[in-house]
Amino acid sequence: MLQLISGLLGTLFSAIALFFGGLIAAGGAVSGDAQTAGAGGALIIITIISLVLSILALIVSFGLFTLKGWAWTLTYVLQAISIVVNVVNIFMGENVGGAIFSIVISAVIIYYLNRPNVKSAFDQA
């Protein structure tokens, strides 16, 4: 359920950020402010990556609900990447509270994936 919620929220927030990134880039281009246009473009690129990862999380959540072994492995990898990215965000001073919350959620998911009954359900034992 956490993976599904994460994918849904990530998709929603990515779509919103993509919209605002486009507005920022267009505003910068219209006003001739290259720095603003570049910032909007960077936001668009980062948001597209986030959107792809969110859609991947939705696909993985379907695999988890159907007890597919590939979903167990991919969830483990995605959560490990999430922890690393959020630790970097903490050291960069970006959204420390949100990063800590995300690390805790990822750790809970990894803990749950390693429970003996969960591993055996996914043929990972």
N, C-alpha and C. Protein backbone atom coordinates (compact mmCIF):
# COMPACT_ATOMS: atom_id res chain seq x y z
N MET A 1 0.83 -1.20 0.00
CA MET A 1 0.00 0.00 0.00
C MET A 1 0.87 1.26 0.00
N LEU A 2 1.98 1.23 0.77
CA LEU A 2 2.85 2.40 0.80
C LEU A 2 3.45 2.69 -0.58
N GLN A 3 3.80 1.63 -1.29
CA GLN A 3 4.36 1.79 -2.64
C GLN A 3 3.31 2.40 -3.57
N LEU A 4 2.08 1.95 -3.48
CA LEU A 4 1.00 2.48 -4.31
C LEU A 4 0.73 3.95 -3.99
N ILE A 5 0.64 4.26 -2.72
CA ILE A 5 0.41 5.66 -2.31
C ILE A 5 1.56 6.54 -2.78
N SER A 6 2.77 6.05 -2.63
CA SER A 6 3.95 6.80 -3.09
C SER A 6 3.88 7.06 -4.59
N GLY A 7 3.52 6.05 -5.34
CA GLY A 7 3.41 6.22 -6.79
C GLY A 7 2.32 7.19 -7.19
N LEU A 8 1.17 7.10 -6.52
CA LEU A 8 0.06 8.01 -6.84
C LEU A 8 0.40 9.46 -6.49
N LEU A 9 0.93 9.66 -5.29
CA LEU A 9 1.29 11.03 -4.88
C LEU A 9 2.43 11.57 -5.74
N GLY A 10 3.41 10.73 -6.04
CA GLY A 10 4.51 11.16 -6.88
C GLY A 10 4.05 11.57 -8.27
N THR A 11 3.12 10.82 -8.83
CA THR A 11 2.58 11.15 -10.15
C THR A 11 1.81 12.46 -10.09
N LEU A 12 1.00 12.64 -9.06
CA LEU A 12 0.23 13.88 -8.91
C LEU A 12 1.15 15.08 -8.76
N PHE A 13 2.10 15.01 -7.84
CA PHE A 13 2.99 16.14 -7.60
C PHE A 13 3.91 16.41 -8.78
N SER A 14 4.30 15.36 -9.49
CA SER A 14 5.14 15.54 -10.68
C SER A 14 4.37 16.27 -11.77
N ALA A 15 3.10 15.92 -11.94
CA ALA A 15 2.29 16.59 -12.94
C ALA A 15 2.12 18.07 -12.60
N ILE A 16 1.91 18.37 -11.34
CA ILE A 16 1.79 19.76 -10.91
C ILE A 16 3.10 20.51 -11.12
N ALA A 17 4.21 19.89 -10.73
CA ALA A 17 5.52 20.53 -10.88
C ALA A 17 5.87 20.72 -12.36
N LEU A 18 5.47 19.77 -13.20
CA LEU A 18 5.71 19.89 -14.63
C LEU A 18 4.97 21.11 -15.19
N PHE A 19 3.75 21.30 -14.75
CA PHE A 19 2.96 22.46 -15.17
C PHE A 19 3.65 23.76 -14.77
N PHE A 20 4.06 23.85 -13.50
CA PHE A 20 4.70 25.08 -13.04
C PHE A 20 6.09 25.28 -13.64
N GLY A 21 6.80 24.18 -13.89
CA GLY A 21 8.09 24.30 -14.57
C GLY A 21 7.93 24.88 -15.95
N GLY A 22 6.88 24.45 -16.64
CA GLY A 22 6.58 25.00 -17.96
C GLY A 22 6.24 26.48 -17.89
N LEU A 23 5.47 26.85 -16.88
CA LEU A 23 5.13 28.27 -16.71
C LEU A 23 6.37 29.11 -16.43
N ILE A 24 7.26 28.60 -15.59
CA ILE A 24 8.48 29.34 -15.25
C ILE A 24 9.37 29.48 -16.48
N ALA A 25 9.54 28.37 -17.21
CA ALA A 25 10.38 28.41 -18.41
C ALA A 25 9.80 29.36 -19.45
N ALA A 26 8.50 29.30 -19.64
CA ALA A 26 7.86 30.18 -20.63
C ALA A 26 7.94 31.63 -20.19
N GLY A 27 7.74 31.88 -18.91
CA GLY A 27 7.84 33.25 -18.40
C GLY A 27 9.23 33.82 -18.58
N GLY A 28 10.22 33.00 -18.33
CA GLY A 28 11.60 33.44 -18.52
C GLY A 28 11.92 33.68 -19.97
N ALA A 29 11.40 32.83 -20.85
CA ALA A 29 11.65 32.99 -22.29
C ALA A 29 10.97 34.25 -22.81
N VAL A 30 9.74 34.50 -22.37
CA VAL A 30 9.00 35.67 -22.83
C VAL A 30 9.66 36.96 -22.35
N SER A 31 10.11 36.96 -21.10
CA SER A 31 10.71 38.18 -20.54
C SER A 31 12.17 38.34 -20.94
N GLY A 32 12.74 37.31 -21.54
CA GLY A 32 14.14 37.38 -21.94
C GLY A 32 15.11 37.08 -20.81
N ASP A 33 14.61 36.56 -19.71
CA ASP A 33 15.46 36.23 -18.55
C ASP A 33 15.95 34.80 -18.71
N ALA A 34 17.18 34.66 -19.16
CA ALA A 34 17.75 33.34 -19.43
C ALA A 34 17.87 32.50 -18.16
N GLN A 35 18.17 33.15 -17.04
CA GLN A 35 18.32 32.41 -15.78
C GLN A 35 16.99 31.79 -15.35
N THR A 36 15.91 32.53 -15.47
CA THR A 36 14.59 32.01 -15.11
C THR A 36 14.17 30.91 -16.07
N ALA A 37 14.41 31.12 -17.35
CA ALA A 37 14.08 30.09 -18.35
C ALA A 37 14.88 28.83 -18.09
N GLY A 38 16.14 28.97 -17.75
CA GLY A 38 16.98 27.80 -17.44
C GLY A 38 16.52 27.08 -16.20
N ALA A 39 16.12 27.83 -15.18
CA ALA A 39 15.61 27.21 -13.95
C ALA A 39 14.33 26.44 -14.24
N GLY A 40 13.48 27.01 -15.05
CA GLY A 40 12.25 26.31 -15.44
C GLY A 40 12.55 25.05 -16.23
N GLY A 41 13.53 25.13 -17.12
CA GLY A 41 13.93 23.96 -17.89
C GLY A 41 14.50 22.87 -17.01
N ALA A 42 15.32 23.26 -16.04
CA ALA A 42 15.89 22.28 -15.11
C ALA A 42 14.78 21.62 -14.28
N LEU A 43 13.81 22.42 -13.86
CA LEU A 43 12.69 21.87 -13.10
C LEU A 43 11.91 20.87 -13.95
N ILE A 44 11.75 21.16 -15.22
CA ILE A 44 11.04 20.25 -16.11
C ILE A 44 11.80 18.92 -16.23
N ILE A 45 13.11 18.99 -16.40
CA ILE A 45 13.91 17.76 -16.54
C ILE A 45 13.84 16.92 -15.26
N ILE A 46 14.02 17.56 -14.11
CA ILE A 46 13.96 16.83 -12.83
C ILE A 46 12.57 16.24 -12.63
N THR A 47 11.56 16.99 -13.01
CA THR A 47 10.19 16.53 -12.83
C THR A 47 9.88 15.34 -13.73
N ILE A 48 10.39 15.35 -14.94
CA ILE A 48 10.16 14.21 -15.85
C ILE A 48 10.79 12.94 -15.26
N ILE A 49 11.98 13.08 -14.71
CA ILE A 49 12.63 11.92 -14.06
C ILE A 49 11.77 11.44 -12.90
N SER A 50 11.28 12.37 -12.09
CA SER A 50 10.43 12.02 -10.96
C SER A 50 9.13 11.35 -11.43
N LEU A 51 8.57 11.84 -12.52
CA LEU A 51 7.34 11.28 -13.06
C LEU A 51 7.57 9.85 -13.54
N VAL A 52 8.68 9.60 -14.21
CA VAL A 52 9.00 8.25 -14.66
C VAL A 52 9.15 7.30 -13.47
N LEU A 53 9.85 7.76 -12.43
CA LEU A 53 10.02 6.93 -11.23
C LEU A 53 8.68 6.67 -10.53
N SER A 54 7.80 7.66 -10.54
CA SER A 54 6.48 7.50 -9.92
C SER A 54 5.63 6.49 -10.69
N ILE A 55 5.68 6.56 -12.00
CA ILE A 55 4.95 5.59 -12.81
C ILE A 55 5.53 4.20 -12.61
N LEU A 56 6.85 4.11 -12.50
CA LEU A 56 7.49 2.83 -12.20
C LEU A 56 7.02 2.30 -10.85
N ALA A 57 6.87 3.18 -9.87
CA ALA A 57 6.37 2.77 -8.55
C ALA A 57 4.94 2.21 -8.66
N LEU A 58 4.12 2.80 -9.53
CA LEU A 58 2.77 2.27 -9.72
C LEU A 58 2.80 0.88 -10.34
N ILE A 59 3.68 0.69 -11.32
CA ILE A 59 3.82 -0.63 -11.95
C ILE A 59 4.30 -1.66 -10.93
N VAL A 60 5.27 -1.25 -10.12
CA VAL A 60 5.81 -2.15 -9.10
C VAL A 60 4.73 -2.49 -8.07
N SER A 61 3.90 -1.52 -7.71
CA SER A 61 2.85 -1.81 -6.72
C SER A 61 1.88 -2.86 -7.27
N PHE A 62 1.60 -2.82 -8.56
CA PHE A 62 0.76 -3.86 -9.17
C PHE A 62 1.44 -5.22 -9.04
N GLY A 63 2.75 -5.25 -9.32
CA GLY A 63 3.51 -6.49 -9.18
C GLY A 63 3.53 -7.00 -7.75
N LEU A 64 3.58 -6.09 -6.79
CA LEU A 64 3.55 -6.49 -5.38
C LEU A 64 2.20 -7.09 -5.01
N PHE A 65 1.12 -6.47 -5.50
CA PHE A 65 -0.21 -7.00 -5.19
C PHE A 65 -0.42 -8.38 -5.79
N THR A 66 0.26 -8.67 -6.90
CA THR A 66 0.12 -9.98 -7.54
C THR A 66 1.25 -10.93 -7.17
N LEU A 67 2.07 -10.54 -6.19
CA LEU A 67 3.15 -11.36 -5.62
C LEU A 67 4.18 -11.80 -6.67
N LYS A 68 4.60 -10.88 -7.51
CA LYS A 68 5.63 -11.16 -8.51
C LYS A 68 7.01 -10.96 -7.89
N GLY A 69 7.91 -11.89 -8.15
CA GLY A 69 9.25 -11.82 -7.60
C GLY A 69 10.02 -10.60 -8.07
N TRP A 70 9.83 -10.20 -9.33
CA TRP A 70 10.52 -9.03 -9.86
C TRP A 70 10.10 -7.77 -9.12
N ALA A 71 8.86 -7.72 -8.66
CA ALA A 71 8.37 -6.54 -7.94
C ALA A 71 9.05 -6.42 -6.58
N TRP A 72 9.28 -7.56 -5.91
CA TRP A 72 9.98 -7.54 -4.63
C TRP A 72 11.38 -6.96 -4.82
N THR A 73 12.09 -7.47 -5.83
CA THR A 73 13.46 -7.01 -6.09
C THR A 73 13.49 -5.54 -6.48
N LEU A 74 12.61 -5.14 -7.37
CA LEU A 74 12.59 -3.75 -7.83
C LEU A 74 12.19 -2.80 -6.71
N THR A 75 11.27 -3.21 -5.86
CA THR A 75 10.89 -2.37 -4.71
C THR A 75 12.08 -2.18 -3.79
N TYR A 76 12.81 -3.24 -3.54
CA TYR A 76 13.99 -3.16 -2.69
C TYR A 76 15.00 -2.16 -3.27
N VAL A 77 15.24 -2.26 -4.57
CA VAL A 77 16.19 -1.36 -5.23
C VAL A 77 15.70 0.08 -5.18
N LEU A 78 14.42 0.30 -5.49
CA LEU A 78 13.87 1.66 -5.48
C LEU A 78 13.95 2.29 -4.09
N GLN A 79 13.68 1.49 -3.06
CA GLN A 79 13.73 2.04 -1.70
C GLN A 79 15.16 2.34 -1.27
N ALA A 80 16.10 1.50 -1.68
CA ALA A 80 17.51 1.77 -1.37
C ALA A 80 17.97 3.05 -2.06
N ILE A 81 17.57 3.24 -3.31
CA ILE A 81 17.91 4.47 -4.04
C ILE A 81 17.27 5.67 -3.34
N SER A 82 16.04 5.52 -2.90
CA SER A 82 15.35 6.60 -2.20
C SER A 82 16.09 7.01 -0.93
N ILE A 83 16.58 6.03 -0.20
CA ILE A 83 17.32 6.35 1.03
C ILE A 83 18.59 7.12 0.69
N VAL A 84 19.33 6.68 -0.32
CA VAL A 84 20.56 7.36 -0.70
C VAL A 84 20.28 8.80 -1.15
N VAL A 85 19.28 8.98 -1.99
CA VAL A 85 18.94 10.32 -2.49
C VAL A 85 18.53 11.23 -1.34
N ASN A 86 17.74 10.70 -0.41
CA ASN A 86 17.29 11.54 0.71
C ASN A 86 18.40 11.86 1.69
N VAL A 87 19.36 10.95 1.86
CA VAL A 87 20.52 11.26 2.70
C VAL A 87 21.32 12.40 2.06
N VAL A 88 21.49 12.36 0.75
CA VAL A 88 22.18 13.44 0.03
C VAL A 88 21.41 14.75 0.21
N ASN A 89 20.08 14.69 0.11
CA ASN A 89 19.27 15.90 0.31
C ASN A 89 19.44 16.47 1.71
N ILE A 90 19.57 15.61 2.69
CA ILE A 90 19.78 16.09 4.07
C ILE A 90 21.10 16.85 4.15
N PHE A 91 22.17 16.27 3.59
CA PHE A 91 23.47 16.93 3.64
C PHE A 91 23.51 18.21 2.83
N MET A 92 22.64 18.32 1.82
CA MET A 92 22.57 19.55 1.03
C MET A 92 21.64 20.57 1.69
N GLY A 93 20.94 20.15 2.75
CA GLY A 93 20.07 21.05 3.48
C GLY A 93 18.74 21.28 2.82
N GLU A 94 18.34 20.40 1.92
CA GLU A 94 17.09 20.56 1.20
C GLU A 94 15.98 19.73 1.84
N ASN A 95 14.94 20.38 2.28
CA ASN A 95 13.75 19.73 2.82
C ASN A 95 14.11 18.59 3.78
N VAL A 96 14.82 18.94 4.82
CA VAL A 96 15.34 17.94 5.76
C VAL A 96 14.21 17.12 6.39
N GLY A 97 13.15 17.76 6.79
CA GLY A 97 12.03 17.05 7.41
C GLY A 97 11.41 16.05 6.46
N GLY A 98 11.17 16.46 5.23
CA GLY A 98 10.60 15.56 4.23
C GLY A 98 11.54 14.42 3.90
N ALA A 99 12.84 14.71 3.85
CA ALA A 99 13.82 13.67 3.56
C ALA A 99 13.87 12.63 4.67
N ILE A 100 13.82 13.08 5.91
CA ILE A 100 13.84 12.15 7.05
C ILE A 100 12.58 11.29 7.02
N PHE A 101 11.44 11.90 6.76
CA PHE A 101 10.18 11.15 6.67
C PHE A 101 10.27 10.09 5.57
N SER A 102 10.81 10.46 4.42
CA SER A 102 10.94 9.53 3.31
C SER A 102 11.89 8.38 3.65
N ILE A 103 12.97 8.69 4.36
CA ILE A 103 13.92 7.65 4.78
C ILE A 103 13.22 6.66 5.72
N VAL A 104 12.43 7.17 6.64
CA VAL A 104 11.72 6.30 7.58
C VAL A 104 10.75 5.38 6.82
N ILE A 105 9.99 5.94 5.88
CA ILE A 105 9.04 5.13 5.09
C ILE A 105 9.80 4.07 4.29
N SER A 106 10.90 4.46 3.65
CA SER A 106 11.69 3.49 2.88
C SER A 106 12.25 2.40 3.77
N ALA A 107 12.71 2.77 4.97
CA ALA A 107 13.23 1.78 5.90
C ALA A 107 12.14 0.81 6.35
N VAL A 108 10.94 1.31 6.58
CA VAL A 108 9.82 0.45 6.96
C VAL A 108 9.51 -0.52 5.83
N ILE A 109 9.51 -0.04 4.60
CA ILE A 109 9.23 -0.92 3.46
C ILE A 109 10.31 -1.99 3.34
N ILE A 110 11.58 -1.61 3.46
CA ILE A 110 12.67 -2.59 3.38
C ILE A 110 12.56 -3.61 4.51
N TYR A 111 12.25 -3.14 5.71
CA TYR A 111 12.08 -4.05 6.84
C TYR A 111 10.96 -5.05 6.54
N TYR A 112 9.85 -4.53 6.03
CA TYR A 112 8.71 -5.40 5.72
C TYR A 112 9.07 -6.41 4.63
N LEU A 113 9.80 -5.97 3.62
CA LEU A 113 10.20 -6.88 2.54
C LEU A 113 11.08 -8.02 3.04
N ASN A 114 11.81 -7.79 4.13
CA ASN A 114 12.72 -8.79 4.66
C ASN A 114 12.09 -9.70 5.71
N ARG A 115 10.83 -9.52 5.99
CA ARG A 115 10.14 -10.41 6.92
C ARG A 115 10.08 -11.80 6.27
N PRO A 116 10.31 -12.87 7.05
CA PRO A 116 10.35 -14.21 6.47
C PRO A 116 9.08 -14.60 5.67
N ASN A 117 7.91 -14.23 6.21
CA ASN A 117 6.69 -14.60 5.50
C ASN A 117 6.52 -13.81 4.19
N VAL A 118 7.00 -12.58 4.16
CA VAL A 118 6.92 -11.78 2.93
C VAL A 118 7.90 -12.31 1.90
N LYS A 119 9.11 -12.60 2.34
CA LYS A 119 10.12 -13.15 1.41
C LYS A 119 9.65 -14.47 0.82
N SER A 120 9.05 -15.31 1.63
CA SER A 120 8.58 -16.59 1.10
C SER A 120 7.39 -16.41 0.15
N ALA A 121 6.54 -15.43 0.39
CA ALA A 121 5.43 -15.16 -0.51
C ALA A 121 5.91 -14.75 -1.90
N PHE A 122 7.04 -14.08 -1.95
CA PHE A 122 7.62 -13.64 -3.23
C PHE A 122 8.70 -14.59 -3.73
N ASP A 123 8.83 -15.77 -3.12
CA ASP A 123 9.86 -16.76 -3.47
C ASP A 123 11.26 -16.17 -3.39
N GLN A 124 11.51 -15.36 -2.37
CA GLN A 124 12.81 -14.74 -2.17
C GLN A 124 13.58 -15.37 -1.02
N ALA A 125 13.02 -16.37 -0.38
CA ALA A 125 13.65 -16.99 0.80
C ALA A 125 14.78 -17.92 0.42
